[in-house]
Protein backbone atom coordinates (compact mmCIF):
# COMPACT_ATOMS: atom_id res chain seq x y z
CA UNK A 1 -27.59 8.35 -17.39
CA UNK A 2 -25.67 6.48 -20.04
CA UNK A 3 -21.90 6.05 -19.79
CA UNK A 4 -19.74 7.80 -22.40
CA UNK A 5 -19.58 6.16 -25.81
CA UNK A 6 -15.80 6.51 -25.92
CA UNK A 7 -14.13 3.62 -24.07
CA UNK A 8 -11.31 5.82 -22.72
CA UNK A 9 -13.79 8.32 -21.29
CA UNK A 10 -15.74 5.41 -19.83
CA UNK A 11 -13.06 3.68 -17.82
CA UNK A 12 -11.33 6.90 -16.79
CA UNK A 13 -14.75 8.03 -15.60
CA UNK A 14 -14.92 4.90 -13.48
CA UNK A 15 -11.49 5.66 -12.02
CA UNK A 16 -12.51 9.28 -11.39
CA UNK A 17 -15.60 8.10 -9.53
CA UNK A 18 -13.55 5.59 -7.48
CA UNK A 19 -11.14 8.40 -6.48
CA UNK A 20 -14.14 9.94 -4.73
CA UNK A 21 -15.24 6.79 -2.93
CA UNK A 22 -16.14 7.10 0.77
CA UNK A 23 -13.89 4.06 1.33
CA UNK A 24 -10.21 4.99 1.70
CA UNK A 25 -9.02 1.63 0.34
CA UNK A 26 -10.95 2.16 -2.90
CA UNK A 27 -9.59 5.68 -3.31
CA UNK A 28 -6.04 4.37 -3.03
CA UNK A 29 -6.73 1.55 -5.48
CA UNK A 30 -7.91 4.18 -7.94
CA UNK A 31 -4.82 6.32 -7.27
CA UNK A 32 -2.60 3.32 -8.06
CA UNK A 33 -4.59 2.81 -11.27
CA UNK A 34 -3.82 6.37 -12.30
CA UNK A 35 -0.14 5.85 -11.58
CA UNK A 36 -0.12 2.61 -13.58
CA UNK A 37 -1.71 4.34 -16.59
CA UNK A 38 1.06 6.93 -16.45
CA UNK A 39 3.74 4.25 -16.18
CA UNK A 40 2.29 2.64 -19.32
CA UNK A 41 2.48 6.03 -21.10
CA UNK A 42 -1.29 6.19 -21.63
CA UNK A 43 -1.38 9.85 -22.63
CA UNK A 44 -4.98 9.79 -23.87
CA UNK A 45 -6.16 8.33 -20.58
CA UNK A 46 -4.25 10.97 -18.61
CA UNK A 47 -5.89 13.70 -20.72
CA UNK A 48 -9.28 12.11 -20.10
CA UNK A 49 -8.68 12.12 -16.32
CA UNK A 50 -7.75 15.80 -16.44
CA UNK A 51 -10.95 16.42 -18.41
CA UNK A 52 -12.98 14.62 -15.73
CA UNK A 53 -11.31 16.77 -13.06
CA UNK A 54 -12.26 19.93 -14.95
CA UNK A 55 -15.81 18.63 -15.40
CA UNK A 56 -16.06 17.81 -11.67
CA UNK A 57 -19.01 15.37 -11.95
CA UNK A 58 -19.30 11.59 -11.92
CA UNK A 59 -22.27 11.29 -14.32
CA UNK A 60 -23.18 7.63 -14.95
CA UNK A 61 -20.56 6.31 -12.52
CA UNK A 62 -22.39 7.15 -9.33
CA UNK A 63 -25.73 6.67 -7.64
CA UNK A 64 -27.95 9.75 -7.90
CA UNK A 65 -29.25 8.99 -4.40
CA UNK A 66 -25.79 9.49 -2.92
CA UNK A 67 -23.73 12.70 -2.92
CA UNK A 68 -20.54 12.57 -4.96
CA UNK A 69 -17.39 13.20 -2.90
CA UNK A 70 -15.89 15.34 -5.65
CA UNK A 71 -13.27 16.98 -3.44
CA UNK A 72 -11.98 13.50 -2.59
CA UNK A 73 -11.72 12.77 -6.33
CA UNK A 74 -9.83 15.98 -6.98
CA UNK A 75 -7.49 15.51 -4.02
CA UNK A 76 -6.62 11.89 -4.74
CA UNK A 77 -6.13 12.46 -8.46
CA UNK A 78 -3.64 15.20 -7.57
CA UNK A 79 -1.98 12.90 -5.04
CA UNK A 80 -1.51 10.37 -7.86
CA UNK A 81 -0.24 13.00 -10.31
CA UNK A 82 2.10 14.38 -7.63
CA UNK A 83 3.71 10.95 -7.27
CA UNK A 84 3.90 10.51 -11.05
CA UNK A 85 5.55 13.93 -11.43
CA UNK A 86 8.62 12.71 -9.52
CA UNK A 87 9.55 9.95 -11.98
CA UNK A 88 7.44 10.46 -15.13
CA UNK A 89 7.17 14.23 -15.39
CA UNK A 90 6.94 14.32 -19.18
CA UNK A 91 3.49 12.70 -19.32
CA UNK A 92 2.06 15.59 -17.26
CA UNK A 93 3.83 18.39 -19.15
CA UNK A 94 0.93 19.04 -21.59
CA UNK A 95 -1.29 19.78 -18.57
CA UNK A 96 1.15 22.03 -16.70
CA UNK A 97 -1.14 25.06 -16.87
CA UNK A 98 -4.02 23.06 -15.39
CA UNK A 99 -1.96 22.22 -12.31
CA UNK A 100 -0.71 25.78 -12.04
CA UNK A 101 -4.26 27.18 -12.09
CA UNK A 102 -5.45 24.67 -9.46
CA UNK A 103 -2.54 25.63 -7.20
CA UNK A 104 -3.07 29.38 -7.56
CA UNK A 105 -6.63 30.13 -8.72
CA UNK A 106 -8.87 27.16 -7.87
CA UNK A 107 -10.67 26.29 -4.65
CA UNK A 108 -8.53 27.65 -1.76
CA UNK A 109 -7.94 24.23 -0.20
CA UNK A 110 -4.64 23.70 1.63
CA UNK A 111 -4.08 20.07 0.59
CA UNK A 112 -5.39 20.38 -2.96
CA UNK A 113 -3.19 23.43 -3.54
CA UNK A 114 -0.19 21.68 -1.97
CA UNK A 115 -0.32 18.67 -4.28
CA UNK A 116 -1.13 20.78 -7.36
CA UNK A 117 1.85 23.06 -6.65
CA UNK A 118 4.06 19.99 -6.10
CA UNK A 119 3.13 18.75 -9.57
CA UNK A 120 3.72 22.12 -11.18
CA UNK A 121 7.08 22.64 -9.47
CA UNK A 122 8.25 19.13 -10.39
CA UNK A 123 7.37 19.90 -14.01
CA UNK A 124 9.33 23.14 -13.82
CA UNK A 125 12.28 21.33 -12.24
CA UNK A 126 12.43 18.86 -15.13
CA UNK A 127 11.42 21.29 -17.91
CA UNK A 128 12.73 24.71 -17.00
CA UNK A 129 10.97 27.82 -18.34
CA UNK A 130 7.61 26.04 -18.36
CA UNK A 131 6.37 28.89 -16.15
CA UNK A 132 7.41 32.50 -15.79
CA UNK A 133 9.58 33.56 -12.85
CA UNK A 134 6.59 35.32 -11.30
CA UNK A 135 4.44 32.18 -11.46
CA UNK A 136 7.26 30.05 -10.01
CA UNK A 137 7.52 32.40 -7.04
CA UNK A 138 3.77 32.16 -6.48
CA UNK A 139 3.88 28.36 -6.66
CA UNK A 140 6.68 28.27 -4.09
CA UNK A 141 4.62 30.56 -1.83
CA UNK A 142 1.62 28.21 -1.76
CA UNK A 143 0.69 27.56 1.90
CA UNK A 144 3.30 30.03 3.13
CA UNK A 145 2.18 32.84 5.42
CA UNK A 146 2.88 36.35 4.15
CA UNK A 147 2.37 37.89 7.59
CA UNK A 148 5.00 38.40 10.31
CA UNK A 149 5.13 35.78 13.07
CA UNK A 150 3.39 36.73 16.30
CA UNK A 151 4.38 35.70 19.82
CA UNK A 152 1.94 34.42 22.40
CA UNK A 153 2.23 33.01 25.91
CA UNK A 154 -1.45 32.25 26.38
CA UNK A 155 -2.22 28.61 25.57
CA UNK A 156 -5.22 27.90 27.79
CA UNK A 157 -8.01 30.15 26.47
CA UNK A 158 -9.04 28.34 23.31
CA UNK A 159 -11.02 25.32 24.48
CA UNK A 160 -14.16 24.47 22.53
CA UNK A 161 -17.47 25.31 24.19
CA UNK A 162 -20.60 24.82 22.05
CA UNK A 163 -22.61 27.05 24.37
CA UNK A 164 -20.37 30.14 24.13
CA UNK A 165 -22.00 33.31 22.75
CA UNK A 166 -25.46 31.79 22.92
CA UNK A 167 -24.58 28.89 20.63
CA UNK A 168 -26.68 25.79 21.25
CA UNK A 169 -26.69 22.34 19.78
CA UNK A 170 -30.37 22.80 18.95
CA UNK A 171 -29.64 25.98 17.00
CA UNK A 172 -26.70 24.72 14.98
CA UNK A 173 -27.38 24.40 11.25
CA UNK A 174 -24.83 21.66 10.61
CA UNK A 175 -23.46 19.08 12.99
CA UNK A 176 -19.69 19.11 12.59
CA UNK A 177 -18.23 15.68 13.31
CA UNK A 178 -17.96 15.41 17.10
CA UNK A 179 -14.15 15.02 17.31
CA UNK A 180 -13.33 17.87 14.94
CA UNK A 181 -13.48 20.88 17.29
CA UNK A 182 -11.38 19.32 20.06
CA UNK A 183 -8.94 17.17 18.08
CA UNK A 184 -8.81 18.64 14.56
CA UNK A 185 -9.46 22.36 15.05
CA UNK A 186 -7.46 22.63 18.27
CA UNK A 187 -4.05 22.65 16.60
CA UNK A 188 -5.20 25.28 14.09
CA UNK A 189 -6.45 27.33 17.01
CA UNK A 190 -3.04 27.26 18.64
CA UNK A 191 -1.12 27.96 15.44
CA UNK A 192 -3.09 31.15 14.70
CA UNK A 193 -4.19 32.11 18.23
CA UNK A 194 -7.92 32.12 17.48
CA UNK A 195 -10.69 30.34 19.32
CA UNK A 196 -11.87 26.87 18.40
CA UNK A 197 -15.42 28.23 18.40
CA UNK A 198 -14.44 30.74 15.72
CA UNK A 199 -13.00 27.98 13.53
CA UNK A 200 -16.08 25.85 14.13
CA UNK A 201 -18.31 28.75 13.07
CA UNK A 202 -16.29 29.37 9.91
CA UNK A 203 -16.48 25.70 8.93
CA UNK A 204 -20.23 25.58 9.55
CA UNK A 205 -20.80 28.80 7.57
CA UNK A 206 -18.78 27.45 4.64
CA UNK A 207 -20.77 24.22 4.49
CA UNK A 208 -24.21 25.76 4.94
CA UNK A 209 -24.07 29.23 3.37
CA UNK A 210 -21.32 29.00 0.75
CA UNK A 211 -21.43 25.38 -0.39
CA UNK A 212 -25.23 25.36 0.10
CA UNK A 213 -25.23 21.82 1.49
CA UNK A 214 -28.69 20.53 2.33
CA UNK A 215 -29.11 18.44 5.46
CA UNK A 216 -27.85 18.94 8.98
CA UNK A 217 -24.88 16.53 8.92
CA UNK A 218 -26.48 14.10 11.34
CA UNK A 219 -25.98 10.36 11.01
CA UNK A 220 -29.63 9.60 10.27
CA UNK A 221 -29.68 12.13 7.42
CA UNK A 222 -26.57 10.70 5.75
CA UNK A 223 -27.89 9.21 2.46
CA UNK A 224 -25.56 6.25 2.94
CA UNK A 225 -26.34 5.66 6.61
CA UNK A 226 -28.04 2.32 6.02
CA UNK A 227 -24.81 1.09 4.40
CA UNK A 228 -22.86 2.12 7.48
CA UNK A 229 -25.40 0.37 9.72
CA UNK A 230 -25.88 -2.92 7.90
CA UNK A 231 -22.33 -3.34 6.56
CA UNK A 232 -20.47 -1.92 9.56
CA UNK A 233 -17.81 -4.66 9.45
CA UNK A 234 -16.81 -3.56 5.96
CA UNK A 235 -17.60 0.16 6.20
CA UNK A 236 -16.17 1.45 9.45
CA UNK A 237 -16.90 5.17 9.83
CA UNK A 238 -15.64 5.27 13.42
CA UNK A 239 -12.80 7.63 14.29
CA UNK A 240 -11.62 9.24 17.52
CA UNK A 241 -9.07 11.68 18.89
CA UNK A 242 -8.06 13.01 15.49
CA UNK A 243 -7.61 9.67 13.74
CA UNK A 244 -8.81 8.98 10.21
CA UNK A 245 -11.73 6.58 9.60
CA UNK A 246 -11.37 3.86 6.99
CA UNK A 247 -14.72 4.98 5.52
CA UNK A 248 -15.89 8.59 5.45
CA UNK A 249 -19.43 9.53 6.36
CA UNK A 250 -20.91 12.53 4.54
CA UNK A 251 -20.49 14.68 7.63
CA UNK A 252 -16.81 13.70 7.97
CA UNK A 253 -16.20 14.37 4.27
CA UNK A 254 -17.69 17.87 4.51
CA UNK A 255 -16.05 18.72 7.86
CA UNK A 256 -12.69 17.46 6.59
CA UNK A 257 -12.54 19.48 3.38
CA UNK A 258 -14.16 22.55 4.93
CA UNK A 259 -11.37 22.54 7.53
CA UNK A 260 -8.71 22.84 4.80
CA UNK A 261 -10.57 25.66 3.05
CA UNK A 262 -10.98 27.53 6.35
CA UNK A 263 -7.30 26.88 7.13
CA UNK A 264 -6.40 28.63 3.87
CA UNK A 265 -8.63 31.57 4.79
CA UNK A 266 -7.08 31.83 8.26
CA UNK A 267 -3.56 31.66 6.80
CA UNK A 268 -4.27 34.77 4.73
CA UNK A 269 -5.95 36.73 7.53
CA UNK A 270 -4.09 35.76 10.70
CA UNK A 271 -0.37 35.61 11.53
CA UNK A 272 1.21 32.35 12.67
CA UNK A 273 1.84 32.36 16.41
CA UNK A 274 5.10 31.21 17.96
CA UNK A 275 4.33 30.00 21.47
CA UNK A 276 6.91 30.11 24.26
CA UNK A 277 6.12 26.64 25.56
CA UNK A 278 6.98 23.08 24.71
CA UNK A 279 3.50 22.44 23.33
CA UNK A 280 3.77 24.87 20.44
CA UNK A 281 2.47 23.73 17.03
CA UNK A 282 4.07 24.33 13.65
CA UNK A 283 2.04 25.21 10.55
CA UNK A 284 4.33 23.05 8.40
CA UNK A 285 3.90 20.14 10.82
CA UNK A 286 0.13 20.57 10.68
CA UNK A 287 0.13 20.29 6.88
CA UNK A 288 2.49 17.31 7.02
CA UNK A 289 0.32 15.57 9.59
CA UNK A 290 -2.57 15.64 7.12
CA UNK A 291 -0.42 14.76 4.12
CA UNK A 292 1.47 11.60 3.17
CA UNK A 293 3.54 9.64 5.68
CA UNK A 294 6.75 10.20 3.76
CA UNK A 295 8.11 13.70 3.38
CA UNK A 296 9.66 13.14 -0.06
CA UNK A 297 6.40 12.84 -2.03
CA UNK A 298 6.68 9.07 -2.41
CA UNK A 299 4.15 6.57 -1.12
CA UNK A 300 4.34 4.01 1.65
CA UNK A 301 3.76 1.32 -0.94
CA UNK A 302 7.03 2.29 -2.67
CA UNK A 303 8.93 0.90 0.30
CA UNK A 304 6.99 -2.35 0.72
CA UNK A 305 9.08 -5.42 -0.08
CA UNK A 306 8.02 -8.98 -0.93
CA UNK A 307 7.72 -11.27 2.08
CA UNK A 308 10.85 -13.40 2.64
CA UNK A 309 10.94 -16.53 0.50
CA UNK A 310 11.47 -18.68 3.57
CA UNK A 311 8.09 -19.35 5.16
CA UNK A 312 7.74 -21.29 8.38
CA UNK A 313 5.34 -24.21 8.18
CA UNK A 314 3.99 -26.35 11.01
CA UNK A 315 2.76 -29.79 9.97
CA UNK A 316 -0.88 -30.39 10.86
CA UNK A 317 0.06 -33.74 12.36
CA UNK A 318 2.47 -32.11 14.84
CA UNK A 319 1.31 -31.76 18.43
CA UNK A 320 0.70 -28.00 18.40
CA UNK A 321 0.83 -27.53 22.17
CA UNK A 322 4.19 -29.28 22.32
CA UNK A 323 5.56 -27.25 19.40
CA UNK A 324 4.48 -23.98 20.99
CA UNK A 325 6.48 -24.73 24.13
CA UNK A 326 9.50 -26.40 22.54
CA UNK A 327 11.63 -23.38 21.53
CA UNK A 328 15.20 -24.67 21.54
CA UNK A 329 18.70 -23.42 20.78
CA UNK A 330 18.46 -24.46 17.13
CA UNK A 331 15.37 -22.26 16.69
CA UNK A 332 17.33 -19.22 17.81
CA UNK A 333 20.26 -20.01 15.50
CA UNK A 334 17.97 -20.52 12.49
CA UNK A 335 16.30 -17.20 13.28
CA UNK A 336 19.49 -15.15 13.00
CA UNK A 337 21.66 -17.13 10.54
CA UNK A 338 20.90 -17.83 6.88
CA UNK A 339 22.68 -18.37 3.57
CA UNK A 340 22.61 -15.95 0.64
CA UNK A 341 24.53 -16.85 -2.54
CA UNK A 342 26.64 -19.36 -0.59
CA UNK A 343 27.62 -16.69 1.96
CA UNK A 344 26.57 -16.62 5.60
CA UNK A 345 24.39 -13.71 6.68
CA UNK A 346 23.07 -12.55 10.05
CA UNK A 347 19.75 -10.96 10.91
CA UNK A 348 20.86 -8.33 13.41
CA UNK A 349 17.70 -6.31 13.97
CA UNK A 350 14.07 -6.97 13.30
CA UNK A 351 10.58 -7.73 14.45
CA UNK A 352 8.21 -9.86 12.46
CA UNK A 353 5.31 -12.27 12.71
CA UNK A 354 4.79 -15.60 10.98
CA UNK A 355 1.67 -17.71 11.16
CA UNK A 356 -1.13 -19.57 9.44
CA UNK A 357 -4.71 -18.43 9.10
CA UNK A 358 -6.32 -20.17 12.09
CA UNK A 359 -3.92 -22.15 14.28
CA UNK A 360 -0.73 -20.43 15.37
CA UNK A 361 1.58 -17.45 15.12
CA UNK A 362 5.23 -16.82 15.97
CA UNK A 363 6.50 -13.41 17.03
CA UNK A 364 10.22 -12.67 16.51
CA UNK A 365 12.20 -9.78 18.00
CA UNK A 366 15.93 -9.25 17.38
CA UNK A 367 18.14 -6.43 18.63
CA UNK A 368 21.90 -5.92 18.67
CA UNK A 369 24.55 -3.46 19.81
CA UNK A 370 28.31 -3.00 19.89
CA UNK A 371 30.18 -3.53 23.16
CA UNK A 372 33.88 -3.50 24.01
CA UNK A 373 35.55 -6.92 23.90
CA UNK A 374 36.74 -6.42 27.47
CA UNK A 375 33.22 -6.41 28.89
CA UNK A 376 31.23 -8.45 26.37
CA UNK A 377 31.44 -11.77 28.22
CA UNK A 378 30.48 -10.14 31.51
CA UNK A 379 27.44 -8.49 29.96
CA UNK A 380 26.47 -11.78 28.33
CA UNK A 381 26.58 -13.51 31.71
CA UNK A 382 24.69 -10.70 33.42
CA UNK A 383 21.85 -10.56 30.89
CA UNK A 384 21.63 -14.34 30.74
CA UNK A 385 20.77 -14.37 34.45
CA UNK A 386 17.33 -12.90 33.69
CA UNK A 387 14.60 -15.50 33.37
CA UNK A 388 11.82 -13.10 32.35
CA UNK A 389 12.26 -12.02 28.72
CA UNK A 390 10.50 -8.73 29.36
CA UNK A 391 13.31 -7.76 31.77
CA UNK A 392 15.94 -8.05 29.03
CA UNK A 393 16.31 -5.21 26.55
CA UNK A 394 18.95 -3.90 24.15
CA UNK A 395 18.68 -0.57 22.37
CA UNK A 396 20.08 -0.92 18.88
CA UNK A 397 19.75 2.77 18.10
CA UNK A 398 20.85 4.55 21.29
CA UNK A 399 23.81 4.43 23.61
CA UNK A 400 22.91 2.60 26.80
CA UNK A 401 24.85 2.18 29.99
CA UNK A 402 24.67 -0.98 32.05
CA UNK A 403 27.24 0.07 34.64
CA UNK A 404 30.10 -0.67 34.19
CA UNK A 405 29.15 -1.61 30.59
CA UNK A 406 28.65 0.86 27.75
CA UNK A 407 26.89 -0.49 24.68
CA UNK A 408 26.60 1.48 21.45
CA UNK A 409 23.67 1.29 19.09
CA UNK A 410 24.50 1.24 15.38
CA UNK A 411 21.05 1.00 13.81
CA UNK A 412 18.46 3.76 13.37
CA UNK A 413 14.80 2.87 13.85
CA UNK A 414 12.89 6.15 13.50
CA UNK A 415 9.29 4.98 13.13
CA UNK A 416 6.86 7.55 11.69
CA UNK A 417 3.16 7.61 12.44
CA UNK A 418 1.06 6.70 9.41
CA UNK A 419 -0.89 9.53 7.84
CA UNK A 420 -3.08 9.98 4.77
CA UNK A 421 -1.85 6.80 3.10
CA UNK A 422 -2.38 4.52 6.10
CA UNK A 423 -5.27 2.75 4.36
CA UNK A 424 -3.46 2.17 1.07
CA UNK A 425 -3.93 -1.60 0.54
CA UNK A 426 -0.72 -1.73 -1.48
CA UNK A 427 1.19 -0.49 1.56
CA UNK A 428 -0.77 -2.83 3.81
CA UNK A 429 0.17 -1.07 7.06
CA UNK A 430 3.94 -1.58 6.77
CA UNK A 431 6.12 0.22 9.26
CA UNK A 432 7.96 3.32 8.16
CA UNK A 433 10.75 4.60 8.47
CA UNK A 434 12.79 1.52 7.42
CA UNK A 435 15.75 0.32 9.48
CA UNK A 436 18.96 2.14 8.54
CA UNK A 437 22.62 2.23 9.54
CA UNK A 438 23.95 5.16 11.57
CA UNK A 439 25.92 7.73 9.60
CA UNK A 440 29.12 7.30 11.64
CA UNK A 441 29.06 3.56 10.92
CA UNK A 442 28.61 4.18 7.18
CA UNK A 443 31.41 6.73 7.13
CA UNK A 444 33.80 4.43 9.00
CA UNK A 445 33.10 1.42 6.77
CA UNK A 446 32.77 3.37 3.54
CA UNK A 447 29.14 2.30 3.04
CA UNK A 448 26.66 3.72 0.57
CA UNK A 449 23.02 2.81 -0.08
CA UNK A 450 20.29 3.08 -2.68
CA UNK A 451 17.68 5.85 -2.36
CA UNK A 452 15.14 3.72 -0.51
CA UNK A 453 17.73 2.35 1.96
CA UNK A 454 17.00 -1.21 0.86
CA UNK A 455 20.63 -2.19 0.31
CA UNK A 456 24.06 -1.04 1.48
CA UNK A 457 27.38 -1.77 -0.15
CA UNK A 458 31.00 -0.78 0.31
CA UNK A 459 31.90 1.82 -2.29
CA UNK A 460 35.06 -0.13 -3.10
CA UNK A 461 33.19 -3.41 -3.75
CA UNK A 462 29.70 -2.50 -5.01
CA UNK A 463 28.33 -5.80 -3.67
CA UNK A 464 25.24 -5.84 -1.49
CA UNK A 465 26.31 -6.54 2.09
CA UNK A 466 23.37 -5.14 4.09
CA UNK A 467 19.67 -5.40 3.34
CA UNK A 468 16.74 -3.67 5.05
CA UNK A 469 13.36 -5.25 4.32
CA UNK A 470 9.83 -4.18 5.24
CA UNK A 471 6.99 -6.51 4.27
CA UNK A 472 3.38 -7.46 4.82
CA UNK A 473 1.46 -10.13 2.94
CA UNK A 474 -2.00 -9.44 1.58
CA UNK A 475 -4.78 -10.25 4.07
CA UNK A 476 -6.70 -13.44 3.38
CA UNK A 477 -9.97 -11.69 4.31
CA UNK A 478 -11.08 -8.06 4.32
CA UNK A 479 -11.56 -8.12 8.12
CA UNK A 480 -8.19 -9.76 8.86
CA UNK A 481 -4.66 -8.38 8.89
CA UNK A 482 -1.70 -9.89 7.05
CA UNK A 483 -0.49 -13.34 8.16
CA UNK A 484 3.17 -12.37 7.74
CA UNK A 485 4.51 -8.89 8.37
CA UNK A 486 7.52 -7.17 9.85
CA UNK A 487 10.91 -5.63 9.17
CA UNK A 488 14.45 -6.96 9.28
CA UNK A 489 17.99 -5.70 8.78
CA UNK A 490 20.55 -8.33 7.70
CA UNK A 491 24.31 -8.14 7.18
CA UNK A 492 26.89 -10.45 5.60
CA UNK A 493 29.25 -12.19 8.01
CA UNK A 494 32.27 -10.68 6.21
CA UNK A 495 31.05 -7.13 6.74
CA UNK A 496 30.00 -7.96 10.31
CA UNK A 497 33.55 -9.07 11.07
CA UNK A 498 34.87 -5.85 9.51
CA UNK A 499 32.46 -3.84 11.68
CA UNK A 500 33.77 -5.52 14.84
CA UNK A 501 37.40 -5.01 13.80
CA UNK A 502 37.00 -1.35 12.86
CA UNK A 503 35.29 -0.50 16.16
CA UNK A 504 37.35 -2.94 18.23
CA UNK A 505 34.11 -4.36 19.61
CA UNK A 506 31.95 -7.44 19.82
CA UNK A 507 28.33 -7.53 18.71
CA UNK A 508 25.81 -8.65 21.28
CA UNK A 509 22.54 -10.07 19.90
CA UNK A 510 19.28 -10.55 21.78
CA UNK A 511 16.64 -12.80 20.19
CA UNK A 512 13.11 -13.25 21.55
CA UNK A 513 10.68 -15.82 20.21
CA UNK A 514 7.03 -16.03 21.22
CA UNK A 515 4.63 -18.69 19.96
CA UNK A 516 0.93 -18.93 20.62
CA UNK A 517 -2.38 -20.15 19.31
CA UNK A 518 -4.66 -17.84 17.42
CA UNK A 519 -8.04 -17.01 18.85
CA UNK A 520 -10.79 -18.85 17.00
CA UNK A 521 -14.17 -18.78 18.70
CA UNK A 522 -15.61 -21.05 16.03
CA UNK A 523 -13.12 -23.80 16.85
CA UNK A 524 -13.23 -23.12 20.58
CA UNK A 525 -9.55 -22.03 20.66
CA UNK A 526 -8.62 -19.48 23.30
CA UNK A 527 -5.38 -17.54 23.19
CA UNK A 528 -3.58 -18.14 26.49
CA UNK A 529 -0.91 -15.69 27.55
CA UNK A 530 2.60 -17.01 26.99
CA UNK A 531 5.88 -15.24 27.67
CA UNK A 532 8.50 -15.15 24.94
CA UNK A 533 11.72 -17.09 25.34
CA UNK A 534 15.03 -15.35 24.76
CA UNK A 535 18.62 -16.11 23.90
CA UNK A 536 21.75 -13.94 23.88
CA UNK A 537 24.78 -14.40 21.62
CA UNK A 538 28.09 -12.61 21.15
CA UNK A 539 29.65 -12.31 17.68
CA UNK A 540 33.40 -11.53 17.55
CA UNK A 541 35.74 -10.22 14.87
CA UNK A 542 37.18 -13.73 14.46
CA UNK A 543 33.85 -14.82 12.95
CA UNK A 544 32.79 -16.94 15.92
CA UNK A 545 29.44 -16.86 17.65
CA UNK A 546 29.12 -17.82 21.30
CA UNK A 547 26.65 -18.01 24.13
CA UNK A 548 27.32 -18.72 27.81
CA UNK A 549 27.98 -22.39 27.12
CA UNK A 550 29.67 -22.89 23.75
CA UNK A 551 31.21 -21.43 20.58
CA UNK A 552 29.69 -21.79 17.10
CA UNK A 553 32.00 -21.67 14.08
CA UNK A 554 30.21 -19.85 11.28
CA UNK A 555 30.99 -20.97 7.74
């Protein structure tokens, strides 16, 4: 087939095809392309993408030997439009009815309907009266059960058994991905109090009898299976225990989307069950688990920061073995203290990795907490007595008791498990949620922050006095992770002194540094286990830093 003669139709067709790629990284690259077109106000291109979604084919932009993952294309285009609708709603307004129809009258797919309704409701929020009151109510009811909640105490009778009711592997018409019944269908089973076998049968019936899919779903009958076999380093279709693969086999693609269609069917026919045990599942949590990591509709990549300008370098002429072992007091001080606009700042919480491509890496861990001035020196002496770094620990976020010491955390570190956007190359596996300051600390100091919690400032001054950074550099090779990645919360020395004064406390800081060689079988380098080295400091309201031996005047 020939590509479209119109250039806009041509390259939007390429993007539409990439949105349906089996490779998650490619799908996210295409989603970012859609977002960039919207940011550049490319209205014709947006209209062309909507036209491709309505057409639902890839035409000249795919291989006729391979099935087109059209539900992937539809889902990821809506994910992109959902993100755009938060900041650039006006470019999607001409297509409001399209999103409304997808949310209410299109394929009954839980995720597709969720993102379509998000777009439509964001349009209505910005441009009121776009939809009637009746339509708005229906959009708000998407993925909400209309049946009364049911109670159940029975949580042990829903295990998957492929041989129940005469079912046999040899008689199955489609091989659902092996992990799906136990790890994907199980939570649905508990939410609606129906057997896993019933869900498995509904999914199989949808694929075989309604979608009319040819083939049995086995690996050898996957049209792309030779790609998975010969390029397994680049196309990894492995997944286990409910995790997402980085590349989707045809069987996974079908099982995955069929599950969301069946989930919609179950939602309409069966009431949600509230279980009287600690292992109960929530329908909202189930949807969120299969949605984006962030709950506000934004992407992981929105919170990724540039890597710090300062980059540690180790001269090639330096004796590497000696450098690895020689972690001294100056290394610890340089790790926590730096200058910003002629003012002294402290890194008070963080964990990050520096390194080069083949030779070495350095692992940094910093934690801190508030402690009463009366007991700070005693705690410093006590913790300094430990020689093994793994025996020394400070919780920056919780209140810990080291009798008779009470230390108070002042930093929140609520890490969220990555979800649908974990393979977005523009997020590059950054940690989320970012480091933040506890509410009581902000209230006491009069602190406010930007939306993304990147910076904090005193409302009376409006100058940045706290920064929270999350970064990861681009990998140098497709099969390698980033060389530099981590997160760090830093605070100006002036605000740190104010913190200590307001809470009549000292700040205790624990720094751990670990250096090691990188494994490189080609160069014969083996990574030997090395313990980190640690150092403990106390910062006081007078602006002085001390350890067990000396004071450091900070300027």
